[in-house]
N, C-alpha and C. Protein backbone atom coordinates (compact mmCIF):
# COMPACT_ATOMS: atom_id res chain seq x y z
N UNK A 1 111.37 158.41 155.14
CA UNK A 1 110.27 158.50 154.36
C UNK A 1 110.49 158.58 153.04
N UNK A 2 109.71 157.96 152.14
CA UNK A 2 110.04 158.08 150.68
C UNK A 2 109.36 159.30 150.03
N UNK A 3 109.77 159.64 148.91
CA UNK A 3 109.44 160.77 148.20
C UNK A 3 109.12 160.71 146.81
N UNK A 4 108.22 161.29 146.23
CA UNK A 4 108.17 161.40 144.75
C UNK A 4 108.58 162.74 144.41
N UNK A 5 108.70 163.01 143.11
CA UNK A 5 109.17 164.40 142.68
C UNK A 5 108.25 164.89 141.68
N UNK A 6 107.93 166.19 142.14
CA UNK A 6 106.89 166.96 141.35
C UNK A 6 107.52 167.91 140.36
N UNK A 7 106.70 168.99 139.94
CA UNK A 7 107.36 170.04 139.14
C UNK A 7 108.55 170.80 139.72
N UNK A 8 109.46 171.07 138.85
CA UNK A 8 110.67 171.49 139.07
C UNK A 8 111.70 170.86 139.97
N UNK A 9 111.30 169.37 140.02
CA UNK A 9 112.21 168.53 140.87
C UNK A 9 111.98 168.65 142.25
N UNK A 10 110.91 169.23 142.76
CA UNK A 10 110.63 169.43 144.21
C UNK A 10 110.06 167.92 144.77
N UNK A 11 110.63 167.58 145.79
CA UNK A 11 110.26 166.40 146.53
C UNK A 11 108.85 166.55 147.12
N UNK A 12 108.17 165.56 146.88
CA UNK A 12 106.65 165.55 147.40
C UNK A 12 106.64 164.30 148.19
N UNK A 13 106.34 164.47 149.67
CA UNK A 13 106.30 163.37 150.47
C UNK A 13 105.22 162.33 150.06
N UNK A 14 105.66 161.12 150.23
CA UNK A 14 104.86 159.88 149.66
C UNK A 14 104.54 159.10 150.77
N UNK A 15 103.97 159.85 151.78
CA UNK A 15 103.52 159.02 153.04
C UNK A 15 102.17 158.76 153.00
N UNK A 16 101.66 157.86 153.85
CA UNK A 16 100.30 157.78 154.11
C UNK A 16 99.62 159.06 154.74
N UNK A 17 100.22 159.77 155.48
CA UNK A 17 99.81 160.97 155.96
C UNK A 17 99.62 162.11 154.91
N UNK A 18 100.50 162.00 153.98
CA UNK A 18 100.36 163.13 152.99
C UNK A 18 99.27 162.66 151.95
N UNK A 19 99.23 161.58 151.72
CA UNK A 19 98.22 161.04 150.79
C UNK A 19 96.94 161.25 151.28
N UNK A 20 96.60 161.04 152.54
CA UNK A 20 95.32 161.19 153.28
C UNK A 20 94.97 162.69 153.32
N UNK A 21 96.11 163.70 153.52
CA UNK A 21 95.74 165.08 153.59
C UNK A 21 95.34 165.47 152.30
N UNK A 22 96.20 165.03 151.21
CA UNK A 22 95.73 165.52 149.83
C UNK A 22 94.32 165.00 149.60
N UNK A 23 94.05 163.82 149.70
CA UNK A 23 92.50 163.32 149.53
C UNK A 23 91.44 164.28 150.37
N UNK A 24 91.70 164.33 151.50
CA UNK A 24 90.78 165.14 152.24
C UNK A 24 90.59 166.65 151.60
N UNK A 25 91.64 167.37 151.43
CA UNK A 25 91.59 168.62 150.92
C UNK A 25 91.07 168.71 149.64
N UNK A 26 91.54 167.82 148.84
CA UNK A 26 91.01 167.76 147.38
C UNK A 26 89.58 167.58 147.18
N UNK A 27 88.93 166.69 148.29
CA UNK A 27 87.56 166.38 148.25
C UNK A 27 86.64 167.52 148.89
N UNK A 28 87.25 168.38 149.48
CA UNK A 28 86.49 169.41 150.39
C UNK A 28 86.72 170.99 149.99
N UNK A 29 87.73 171.21 149.22
CA UNK A 29 87.83 172.50 148.82
C UNK A 29 87.82 172.65 147.26
N UNK A 30 87.66 173.91 146.90
CA UNK A 30 87.53 174.25 145.43
C UNK A 30 88.87 173.97 144.77
N UNK A 31 88.52 173.92 143.34
CA UNK A 31 89.95 173.69 142.54
C UNK A 31 90.91 174.85 142.67
N UNK A 32 90.27 176.24 142.89
CA UNK A 32 91.04 177.30 142.98
C UNK A 32 92.11 177.08 144.20
N UNK A 33 91.42 176.69 145.43
CA UNK A 33 92.18 176.60 146.56
C UNK A 33 93.03 175.46 146.74
N UNK A 34 92.67 174.45 146.16
CA UNK A 34 93.51 173.19 146.03
C UNK A 34 94.73 173.44 145.08
N UNK A 35 94.61 174.07 143.90
CA UNK A 35 95.78 174.25 143.44
C UNK A 35 96.50 175.19 143.83
N UNK A 36 95.88 176.42 144.46
CA UNK A 36 96.71 177.36 145.22
C UNK A 36 97.63 176.76 146.30
N UNK A 37 96.99 175.76 147.08
CA UNK A 37 97.59 175.02 148.29
C UNK A 37 98.88 174.27 147.67
N UNK A 38 98.67 173.70 146.55
CA UNK A 38 99.84 172.87 146.08
C UNK A 38 100.98 173.68 145.48
N UNK A 39 100.55 174.64 144.96
CA UNK A 39 101.57 175.74 144.37
C UNK A 39 102.37 176.32 145.57
N UNK A 40 101.58 176.56 146.48
CA UNK A 40 102.30 177.24 147.86
C UNK A 40 103.42 176.23 148.19
N UNK A 41 103.04 174.89 148.29
CA UNK A 41 104.08 173.96 148.64
C UNK A 41 105.28 173.97 147.84
N UNK A 42 105.05 173.91 146.48
CA UNK A 42 106.04 173.94 145.41
C UNK A 42 107.11 175.23 145.69
N UNK A 43 106.27 176.40 145.65
CA UNK A 43 106.90 177.68 145.70
C UNK A 43 107.71 177.85 147.03
N UNK A 44 107.16 177.30 148.13
CA UNK A 44 107.83 177.45 149.37
C UNK A 44 109.00 176.62 149.33
N UNK A 45 108.91 175.40 148.89
CA UNK A 45 110.03 174.53 148.67
C UNK A 45 111.14 174.97 147.82
N UNK A 46 110.81 175.53 146.74
CA UNK A 46 111.84 176.26 145.84
C UNK A 46 112.50 177.46 146.56
N UNK A 47 111.64 178.12 147.18
CA UNK A 47 112.48 179.31 148.03
C UNK A 47 113.45 178.87 148.96
N UNK A 48 112.91 177.75 149.66
CA UNK A 48 113.88 177.03 150.66
C UNK A 48 115.13 176.49 150.15
N UNK A 49 114.83 176.00 148.88
CA UNK A 49 116.17 175.44 148.13
C UNK A 49 116.93 176.54 147.85
N UNK A 50 116.46 177.62 147.38
CA UNK A 50 117.15 178.75 147.00
C UNK A 50 118.03 179.51 148.19
N UNK A 51 117.30 179.50 149.29
CA UNK A 51 117.94 180.03 150.42
C UNK A 51 118.67 179.12 151.33
N UNK A 52 118.82 177.74 150.90
CA UNK A 52 119.75 177.02 151.68
C UNK A 52 119.13 176.66 152.98
N UNK A 53 117.80 176.54 152.99
CA UNK A 53 117.14 176.14 154.23
C UNK A 53 116.86 174.68 154.37
N UNK A 54 116.74 173.95 155.55
CA UNK A 54 116.49 172.70 155.84
C UNK A 54 115.01 172.78 156.47
N UNK A 55 114.24 171.83 155.76
CA UNK A 55 112.93 171.77 156.34
C UNK A 55 112.22 170.42 156.16
N UNK A 56 111.24 170.21 156.85
CA UNK A 56 110.35 168.89 156.87
C UNK A 56 109.40 168.87 155.63
N UNK A 57 109.64 168.06 154.52
CA UNK A 57 108.79 168.30 153.39
C UNK A 57 107.25 167.85 153.90
N UNK A 58 107.16 166.85 154.79
CA UNK A 58 105.85 166.34 155.03
C UNK A 58 105.03 167.44 155.75
N UNK A 59 105.87 168.09 156.83
CA UNK A 59 105.18 169.24 157.63
C UNK A 59 104.72 170.26 156.75
N UNK A 60 105.55 170.73 155.83
CA UNK A 60 105.33 171.87 154.99
C UNK A 60 104.09 171.53 154.09
N UNK A 61 104.18 170.19 153.67
CA UNK A 61 103.11 169.74 152.61
C UNK A 61 101.79 169.95 153.26
N UNK A 62 101.76 169.37 154.48
CA UNK A 62 100.39 169.40 155.19
C UNK A 62 99.96 170.67 155.63
N UNK A 63 100.86 171.63 155.96
CA UNK A 63 100.52 172.96 156.28
C UNK A 63 100.08 173.70 155.17
N UNK A 64 100.47 173.45 154.00
CA UNK A 64 100.18 174.17 152.77
C UNK A 64 98.83 173.73 152.36
N UNK A 65 98.53 172.37 152.42
CA UNK A 65 97.20 171.90 151.99
C UNK A 65 96.12 172.48 153.07
N UNK A 66 96.40 172.73 154.14
CA UNK A 66 95.28 173.02 155.21
C UNK A 66 95.34 174.57 155.30
N UNK A 67 96.28 175.49 154.86
CA UNK A 67 96.26 176.76 155.22
C UNK A 67 95.05 177.66 154.91
N UNK A 68 94.28 177.13 153.79
CA UNK A 68 93.00 178.10 153.59
C UNK A 68 91.88 177.33 153.66
N UNK A 69 92.03 176.13 154.31
CA UNK A 69 90.74 175.33 154.65
C UNK A 69 89.65 176.13 155.36
N UNK A 70 90.09 176.93 156.28
CA UNK A 70 89.16 177.80 157.06
C UNK A 70 88.46 178.74 156.42
N UNK A 71 88.63 178.98 155.12
CA UNK A 71 87.68 179.89 154.26
C UNK A 71 86.40 179.23 153.84
N UNK A 72 86.50 177.67 154.01
CA UNK A 72 85.17 177.12 153.39
C UNK A 72 84.05 177.31 154.34
N UNK A 73 82.86 176.90 153.78
CA UNK A 73 81.58 177.20 154.33
C UNK A 73 81.29 176.83 155.76
N UNK A 74 81.91 175.59 156.01
CA UNK A 74 81.64 174.83 157.35
C UNK A 74 82.08 175.84 158.45
N UNK A 75 82.98 176.76 158.22
CA UNK A 75 83.73 177.54 159.25
C UNK A 75 83.37 179.01 159.37
N UNK A 76 82.39 179.31 158.42
CA UNK A 76 82.08 180.84 158.28
C UNK A 76 81.36 181.27 159.49
N UNK A 77 80.76 180.49 160.37
CA UNK A 77 80.21 180.95 161.57
C UNK A 77 80.91 180.74 162.85
N UNK A 78 82.22 180.39 162.64
CA UNK A 78 83.10 180.11 163.97
C UNK A 78 83.37 181.24 164.71
N UNK A 79 83.19 182.36 164.19
CA UNK A 79 83.53 183.52 165.00
C UNK A 79 85.08 183.77 165.16
N UNK A 80 86.01 182.93 164.65
CA UNK A 80 87.34 183.09 164.84
C UNK A 80 88.07 183.33 163.29
N UNK A 81 89.23 183.79 163.42
CA UNK A 81 90.02 184.10 162.08
C UNK A 81 90.04 182.78 161.38
N UNK A 82 89.94 182.84 159.92
CA UNK A 82 89.98 181.79 159.09
C UNK A 82 91.27 181.09 159.24
N UNK A 83 92.37 181.73 159.65
CA UNK A 83 93.55 181.11 159.83
C UNK A 83 93.65 180.08 160.95
N UNK A 84 92.92 180.65 162.01
CA UNK A 84 92.91 179.74 163.15
C UNK A 84 92.10 178.44 162.94
N UNK A 85 90.95 178.56 162.26
CA UNK A 85 90.14 177.45 161.85
C UNK A 85 90.80 176.52 161.00
N UNK A 86 91.69 176.87 160.00
CA UNK A 86 92.60 175.95 159.25
C UNK A 86 93.54 175.31 160.02
N UNK A 87 94.12 176.14 161.14
CA UNK A 87 95.00 175.53 161.92
C UNK A 87 94.48 174.50 162.80
N UNK A 88 93.22 174.77 163.25
CA UNK A 88 92.54 173.62 164.24
C UNK A 88 92.19 172.56 163.45
N UNK A 89 91.76 172.71 162.18
CA UNK A 89 91.54 171.59 161.35
C UNK A 89 92.65 170.72 161.00
N UNK A 90 93.76 171.25 160.75
CA UNK A 90 95.01 170.66 160.57
C UNK A 90 95.48 169.72 161.94
N UNK A 91 95.24 170.52 162.99
CA UNK A 91 95.52 169.82 164.16
C UNK A 91 94.76 168.70 164.68
N UNK A 92 93.22 168.72 164.23
CA UNK A 92 92.50 167.58 164.50
C UNK A 92 92.87 166.30 163.54
N UNK A 93 93.31 166.68 162.31
CA UNK A 93 93.66 165.71 161.32
C UNK A 93 94.95 165.03 161.88
N UNK A 94 95.94 165.74 162.27
CA UNK A 94 97.11 165.20 162.69
C UNK A 94 97.16 164.31 163.98
N UNK A 95 96.28 164.86 164.95
CA UNK A 95 96.28 164.24 166.30
C UNK A 95 95.31 162.98 166.02
N UNK A 96 94.39 162.86 165.02
CA UNK A 96 93.76 161.65 164.65
C UNK A 96 94.62 160.51 164.36
N UNK A 97 95.84 160.96 163.94
CA UNK A 97 96.69 159.99 163.22
C UNK A 97 98.10 159.87 164.11
N UNK A 98 97.97 160.21 165.38
CA UNK A 98 98.97 160.13 166.28
C UNK A 98 100.13 160.60 165.87
N UNK A 99 100.22 161.89 165.28
CA UNK A 99 101.36 162.65 164.95
C UNK A 99 102.12 163.27 166.24
N UNK A 100 103.18 163.43 166.45
CA UNK A 100 103.76 163.86 167.78
C UNK A 100 103.49 165.10 167.95
N UNK A 101 103.22 165.43 169.24
CA UNK A 101 102.60 166.97 169.58
C UNK A 101 103.69 167.98 168.91
N UNK A 102 104.93 167.97 168.99
CA UNK A 102 105.75 169.05 168.49
C UNK A 102 105.51 169.21 167.05
N UNK A 103 105.25 168.21 166.19
CA UNK A 103 105.10 168.19 164.74
C UNK A 103 103.61 168.85 164.57
N UNK A 104 102.79 168.60 165.38
CA UNK A 104 101.44 169.13 165.20
C UNK A 104 101.46 170.75 165.46
N UNK A 105 102.27 171.01 166.51
CA UNK A 105 102.36 172.42 166.90
C UNK A 105 103.12 173.30 165.60
N UNK A 106 104.07 172.69 165.05
CA UNK A 106 104.69 173.39 163.83
C UNK A 106 103.80 173.55 162.63
N UNK A 107 103.01 172.57 162.49
CA UNK A 107 102.03 172.85 161.22
C UNK A 107 100.90 173.77 161.77
N UNK A 108 100.43 173.68 163.12
CA UNK A 108 99.33 174.71 163.69
C UNK A 108 100.00 176.09 163.45
N UNK A 109 101.14 176.29 164.00
CA UNK A 109 101.71 177.67 163.81
C UNK A 109 101.87 178.18 162.37
N UNK A 110 102.26 177.35 161.48
CA UNK A 110 102.38 177.65 160.23
C UNK A 110 101.25 178.26 159.59
N UNK A 111 100.18 177.42 159.77
CA UNK A 111 98.93 177.65 159.25
C UNK A 111 98.31 178.97 159.87
N UNK A 112 98.45 179.03 161.36
CA UNK A 112 97.76 180.33 161.79
C UNK A 112 98.48 181.54 161.62
N UNK A 113 99.78 181.48 161.32
CA UNK A 113 100.34 182.77 161.10
C UNK A 113 100.77 182.97 159.52
N UNK A 114 100.00 182.33 158.70
CA UNK A 114 100.47 182.50 157.24
C UNK A 114 100.20 183.94 156.60
N UNK A 115 99.28 184.61 157.20
CA UNK A 115 99.03 186.01 156.75
C UNK A 115 99.51 186.91 157.66
N UNK A 116 100.36 186.66 158.65
CA UNK A 116 101.05 187.67 159.64
C UNK A 116 102.33 188.13 159.23
N UNK A 117 102.35 189.32 158.60
CA UNK A 117 103.74 189.76 158.16
C UNK A 117 104.67 190.01 159.42
N UNK A 118 105.94 189.87 159.16
CA UNK A 118 107.13 190.20 160.18
C UNK A 118 107.48 189.19 161.17
N UNK A 119 106.57 188.06 161.26
CA UNK A 119 107.05 187.16 162.21
C UNK A 119 107.54 185.69 161.69
N UNK A 120 106.71 185.10 160.73
CA UNK A 120 107.05 183.85 160.19
C UNK A 120 108.51 183.69 159.93
N UNK A 121 109.20 184.59 159.26
CA UNK A 121 110.56 184.31 158.77
C UNK A 121 111.52 184.06 159.95
N UNK A 122 111.19 184.52 161.13
CA UNK A 122 112.08 184.27 162.19
C UNK A 122 111.90 183.10 163.01
N UNK A 123 110.84 182.22 162.53
CA UNK A 123 110.48 180.97 163.38
C UNK A 123 110.95 179.74 162.58
N UNK A 124 110.34 178.56 162.86
CA UNK A 124 110.76 177.27 162.32
C UNK A 124 110.71 177.39 160.71
N UNK A 125 111.54 176.59 160.17
CA UNK A 125 111.61 176.55 158.59
C UNK A 125 110.07 176.34 158.02
N UNK A 126 109.42 175.39 158.47
CA UNK A 126 108.22 175.17 157.82
C UNK A 126 107.17 176.34 158.07
N UNK A 127 107.29 177.06 159.16
CA UNK A 127 106.53 178.32 159.44
C UNK A 127 106.96 179.50 158.31
N UNK A 128 108.19 179.73 158.23
CA UNK A 128 108.80 180.63 157.24
C UNK A 128 108.45 180.35 155.77
N UNK A 129 108.58 178.99 155.55
CA UNK A 129 108.38 178.54 154.07
C UNK A 129 107.05 178.42 153.67
N UNK A 130 106.18 178.28 154.56
CA UNK A 130 104.64 178.50 154.21
C UNK A 130 104.31 179.76 154.00
N UNK A 131 104.72 180.65 154.92
CA UNK A 131 104.20 182.04 154.50
C UNK A 131 104.96 182.58 153.40
N UNK A 132 106.10 182.20 153.03
CA UNK A 132 106.89 182.68 151.92
C UNK A 132 106.06 182.21 150.67
N UNK A 133 105.80 180.82 150.70
CA UNK A 133 105.08 180.15 149.48
C UNK A 133 103.78 181.10 149.22
N UNK A 134 102.92 181.35 150.28
CA UNK A 134 101.77 182.00 150.28
C UNK A 134 102.09 183.42 149.53
N UNK A 135 102.94 184.20 150.11
CA UNK A 135 103.27 185.59 149.57
C UNK A 135 103.83 185.49 148.14
N UNK A 136 104.40 184.41 147.73
CA UNK A 136 105.09 184.24 146.46
C UNK A 136 103.79 184.13 145.36
N UNK A 137 102.81 183.14 145.86
CA UNK A 137 101.65 182.77 144.89
C UNK A 137 100.69 183.92 144.73
N UNK A 138 100.48 184.56 146.03
CA UNK A 138 99.39 185.65 145.93
C UNK A 138 99.97 186.93 145.48
N UNK A 139 101.07 187.47 146.21
CA UNK A 139 101.66 188.68 146.06
C UNK A 139 102.88 188.96 145.13
N UNK A 140 103.34 187.79 144.65
CA UNK A 140 104.54 187.66 143.71
C UNK A 140 105.80 188.23 144.50
N UNK A 141 105.97 187.99 145.81
CA UNK A 141 107.00 188.50 146.68
C UNK A 141 108.12 187.61 146.19
N UNK A 142 109.30 188.19 146.13
CA UNK A 142 110.64 187.57 145.83
C UNK A 142 110.28 186.80 144.38
N UNK A 143 109.71 187.38 143.45
CA UNK A 143 109.27 186.72 142.26
C UNK A 143 110.37 186.10 141.39
N UNK A 144 111.44 186.90 141.39
CA UNK A 144 112.65 186.40 140.56
C UNK A 144 113.62 185.51 141.39
N UNK A 145 113.29 185.20 142.52
CA UNK A 145 114.09 184.18 143.30
C UNK A 145 113.95 182.88 142.80
N UNK A 146 112.99 182.53 142.16
CA UNK A 146 112.62 181.26 141.49
C UNK A 146 112.80 181.39 139.91
N UNK A 147 113.62 180.50 139.43
CA UNK A 147 113.77 180.36 138.12
C UNK A 147 112.50 180.54 137.34
N UNK A 148 112.42 181.12 136.06
CA UNK A 148 111.16 181.18 135.39
C UNK A 148 110.77 179.66 134.87
N UNK A 149 111.68 179.02 134.52
CA UNK A 149 111.44 177.54 134.08
C UNK A 149 110.75 176.97 135.23
N UNK A 150 111.17 176.96 136.45
CA UNK A 150 110.48 176.17 137.53
C UNK A 150 109.34 176.82 137.89
N UNK A 151 109.18 178.06 137.95
CA UNK A 151 108.01 178.76 138.09
C UNK A 151 106.90 178.24 137.06
N UNK A 152 107.24 178.28 135.67
CA UNK A 152 106.26 177.72 134.81
C UNK A 152 105.86 176.25 134.94
N UNK A 153 106.88 175.50 135.44
CA UNK A 153 106.46 174.05 135.45
C UNK A 153 105.49 173.87 136.72
N UNK A 154 105.63 174.62 137.84
CA UNK A 154 104.64 174.51 138.81
C UNK A 154 103.26 175.13 138.34
N UNK A 155 103.07 176.12 137.63
CA UNK A 155 101.97 176.70 137.09
C UNK A 155 101.28 175.78 136.11
N UNK A 156 102.10 175.12 135.37
CA UNK A 156 101.62 173.90 134.47
C UNK A 156 101.10 172.94 134.93
N UNK A 157 101.50 172.44 136.18
CA UNK A 157 100.97 171.41 136.80
C UNK A 157 99.67 171.87 137.67
N UNK A 158 99.76 173.12 138.18
CA UNK A 158 98.64 173.64 138.93
C UNK A 158 98.25 175.01 138.37
N UNK A 159 97.37 175.08 137.43
CA UNK A 159 97.15 176.44 136.78
C UNK A 159 96.44 177.35 137.56
N UNK A 160 96.57 178.59 137.28
CA UNK A 160 96.05 179.69 138.06
C UNK A 160 95.00 180.53 137.20
N UNK A 161 94.03 180.20 136.58
CA UNK A 161 93.14 180.85 135.69
C UNK A 161 92.40 181.84 136.52
N UNK A 162 92.49 183.09 136.30
CA UNK A 162 91.72 184.26 136.91
C UNK A 162 92.10 184.14 138.37
N UNK A 163 93.34 183.69 138.84
CA UNK A 163 93.57 183.60 140.29
C UNK A 163 93.49 184.86 141.06
N UNK A 164 94.01 185.83 140.54
CA UNK A 164 93.94 187.07 141.28
C UNK A 164 92.64 187.61 141.97
N UNK A 165 91.63 187.53 141.07
CA UNK A 165 90.18 187.84 141.41
C UNK A 165 89.56 186.63 142.20
N UNK A 166 90.02 185.44 141.75
CA UNK A 166 89.43 184.35 142.52
C UNK A 166 89.88 184.12 144.05
N UNK A 167 91.16 184.33 144.35
CA UNK A 167 91.51 184.27 145.75
C UNK A 167 90.99 185.38 146.51
N UNK A 168 90.81 186.60 145.91
CA UNK A 168 90.20 187.71 146.65
C UNK A 168 88.75 187.53 146.94
N UNK A 169 88.12 186.97 145.93
CA UNK A 169 86.68 186.64 146.14
C UNK A 169 86.62 185.63 147.37
N UNK A 170 87.38 184.57 147.27
CA UNK A 170 87.45 183.55 148.38
C UNK A 170 87.68 184.11 149.69
N UNK A 171 88.68 185.04 149.69
CA UNK A 171 88.94 185.66 151.00
C UNK A 171 87.79 186.49 151.31
N UNK A 172 87.05 187.19 150.56
CA UNK A 172 86.05 187.92 150.82
C UNK A 172 84.89 187.24 151.42
N UNK A 173 84.45 186.04 150.71
CA UNK A 173 83.34 185.14 151.01
C UNK A 173 83.83 184.54 152.42
N UNK A 174 85.00 184.22 152.63
CA UNK A 174 85.30 183.40 154.05
C UNK A 174 85.36 184.28 155.21
N UNK A 175 85.47 185.65 154.92
CA UNK A 175 85.55 186.58 155.98
C UNK A 175 84.26 187.41 156.06
N UNK A 176 83.38 187.49 155.12
CA UNK A 176 82.21 188.29 155.26
C UNK A 176 81.14 188.03 156.38
N UNK A 177 80.95 186.90 156.79
CA UNK A 177 80.21 186.71 157.90
C UNK A 177 80.64 186.72 159.22
N UNK A 178 82.24 187.11 159.13
CA UNK A 178 82.72 187.35 160.46
C UNK A 178 83.70 188.46 160.41
N UNK A 179 83.26 189.72 160.07
CA UNK A 179 84.16 190.72 159.71
C UNK A 179 85.08 191.31 160.85
N UNK A 180 84.28 190.90 162.14
CA UNK A 180 85.20 191.36 163.28
C UNK A 180 86.46 190.73 163.46
N UNK A 181 86.57 189.48 162.71
CA UNK A 181 87.95 188.75 162.99
C UNK A 181 89.22 189.36 162.10
N UNK A 182 88.67 190.38 161.14
CA UNK A 182 89.65 190.74 160.16
C UNK A 182 90.43 191.97 160.75
N UNK A 183 90.21 192.49 161.89
CA UNK A 183 90.78 193.65 162.44
C UNK A 183 92.29 193.34 162.43
N UNK A 184 93.02 194.36 161.74
CA UNK A 184 94.55 194.20 161.85
C UNK A 184 95.02 193.19 160.72
N UNK A 185 94.16 192.67 159.84
CA UNK A 185 94.56 191.68 158.90
C UNK A 185 94.45 192.23 157.66
N UNK A 186 95.12 191.64 156.64
CA UNK A 186 94.87 191.89 155.16
C UNK A 186 93.39 191.69 154.70
N UNK A 187 92.68 190.83 155.59
CA UNK A 187 91.27 190.50 155.01
C UNK A 187 90.44 191.77 155.17
N UNK A 188 90.94 192.65 156.13
CA UNK A 188 90.18 193.83 156.17
C UNK A 188 90.26 194.67 155.04
N UNK A 189 91.46 194.75 154.28
CA UNK A 189 91.46 195.29 153.07
C UNK A 189 90.58 194.71 151.98
N UNK A 190 90.54 193.35 151.97
CA UNK A 190 89.61 192.70 151.05
C UNK A 190 88.19 193.02 151.26
N UNK A 191 87.79 193.08 152.45
CA UNK A 191 86.38 193.49 152.89
C UNK A 191 86.20 194.86 152.50
N UNK A 192 87.03 195.71 152.75
CA UNK A 192 86.79 197.02 152.48
C UNK A 192 86.55 197.32 150.84
N UNK A 193 87.15 196.53 150.21
CA UNK A 193 87.12 196.64 148.62
C UNK A 193 85.73 195.99 148.20
N UNK A 194 85.35 194.85 148.73
CA UNK A 194 84.26 194.18 148.20
C UNK A 194 82.96 194.20 148.96
N UNK A 195 82.92 194.66 150.20
CA UNK A 195 81.65 194.96 150.97
C UNK A 195 81.44 196.63 151.39
N UNK A 196 80.46 197.18 150.51
CA UNK A 196 80.37 198.62 150.90
C UNK A 196 79.80 198.92 152.11
N UNK A 197 79.36 198.07 152.96
CA UNK A 197 78.95 198.22 154.43
C UNK A 197 80.08 197.86 155.52
N UNK A 198 81.08 197.49 155.07
CA UNK A 198 82.03 197.06 156.05
C UNK A 198 82.87 198.36 156.61
N UNK A 199 83.14 198.26 157.82
CA UNK A 199 83.72 199.36 158.65
C UNK A 199 84.86 198.74 159.36
N UNK A 200 86.12 199.26 159.15
CA UNK A 200 87.17 198.77 159.67
C UNK A 200 87.25 199.09 161.25
N UNK A 201 88.04 198.17 162.14
CA UNK A 201 88.11 198.53 163.44
C UNK A 201 89.39 199.60 163.54
N UNK A 202 89.34 200.53 164.30
CA UNK A 202 90.10 201.61 164.42
C UNK A 202 90.91 201.50 165.85
N UNK A 203 92.12 201.33 165.80
CA UNK A 203 92.90 201.20 167.08
C UNK A 203 92.86 202.42 167.80
N UNK A 204 93.07 203.51 167.27
CA UNK A 204 93.00 204.82 167.87
C UNK A 204 91.76 205.04 168.53
N UNK A 205 90.64 204.76 167.97
CA UNK A 205 89.33 205.03 168.53
C UNK A 205 89.12 204.04 169.76
N UNK A 206 89.76 202.77 169.54
CA UNK A 206 89.62 201.84 170.52
C UNK A 206 90.20 202.26 171.83
N UNK A 207 91.46 202.78 171.65
CA UNK A 207 92.14 203.33 172.80
C UNK A 207 91.35 204.47 173.46
N UNK A 208 90.88 205.51 172.68
CA UNK A 208 90.40 206.69 173.15
C UNK A 208 88.97 206.34 173.76
N UNK A 209 88.27 205.47 173.21
CA UNK A 209 87.01 205.12 173.70
C UNK A 209 86.81 204.06 174.76
N UNK A 210 88.09 203.66 175.10
CA UNK A 210 87.99 202.53 176.29
C UNK A 210 87.35 203.01 177.61
N UNK A 211 87.17 202.23 178.41
CA UNK A 211 86.39 202.52 179.71
C UNK A 211 87.37 203.23 180.73
N UNK A 212 88.82 203.22 180.45
CA UNK A 212 89.64 203.89 181.25
C UNK A 212 89.33 205.26 181.33
N UNK A 213 89.38 206.11 182.36
CA UNK A 213 89.13 207.52 182.46
C UNK A 213 90.35 208.34 181.82
N UNK A 214 91.61 207.78 181.90
CA UNK A 214 92.73 208.42 181.39
C UNK A 214 93.75 207.23 180.93
């Protein structure tokens, strides 16, 4: 597979699959989510490079592009976690292009688990690096692990104006119509902040109020 080079010398897959994924996501998501997705790919790649990890750039790229697709309006009545909607959309995209099942599975897993702490870093490189890239761009995790010049180059290519408030609003909008799907996730924190009527699921009460007599 041929590659082009983007900010900070990061390889960007130059395949038909990558081009079609870029076109689809660029045309169907907001500037905020598209630029975030691209930054996630570059930051994930830079973290992989810093940590000496080998990964498949095409799989990480597609996973990064699709990871927040499930926040979009077409999915808000799905009744599923937005991460699963994004994973399913990536799966449909890849299967329609006859991508082998194991590659589809790796992208699906990366997208589905990108907000789940404590698991991705022990899985395949693409799963680990997608979560790391998301955490870097949203939370600033391992912030100094990427050189300032490389970080600045990525942000110059894909700016983040008012990103903190923008991504929180996107998460709140994406989960607001399906609050039950946020149980045990960071989206519960988002809804608790933005929706005065939101009530968290309570695991202790679920156990105590279960139909079991003891």
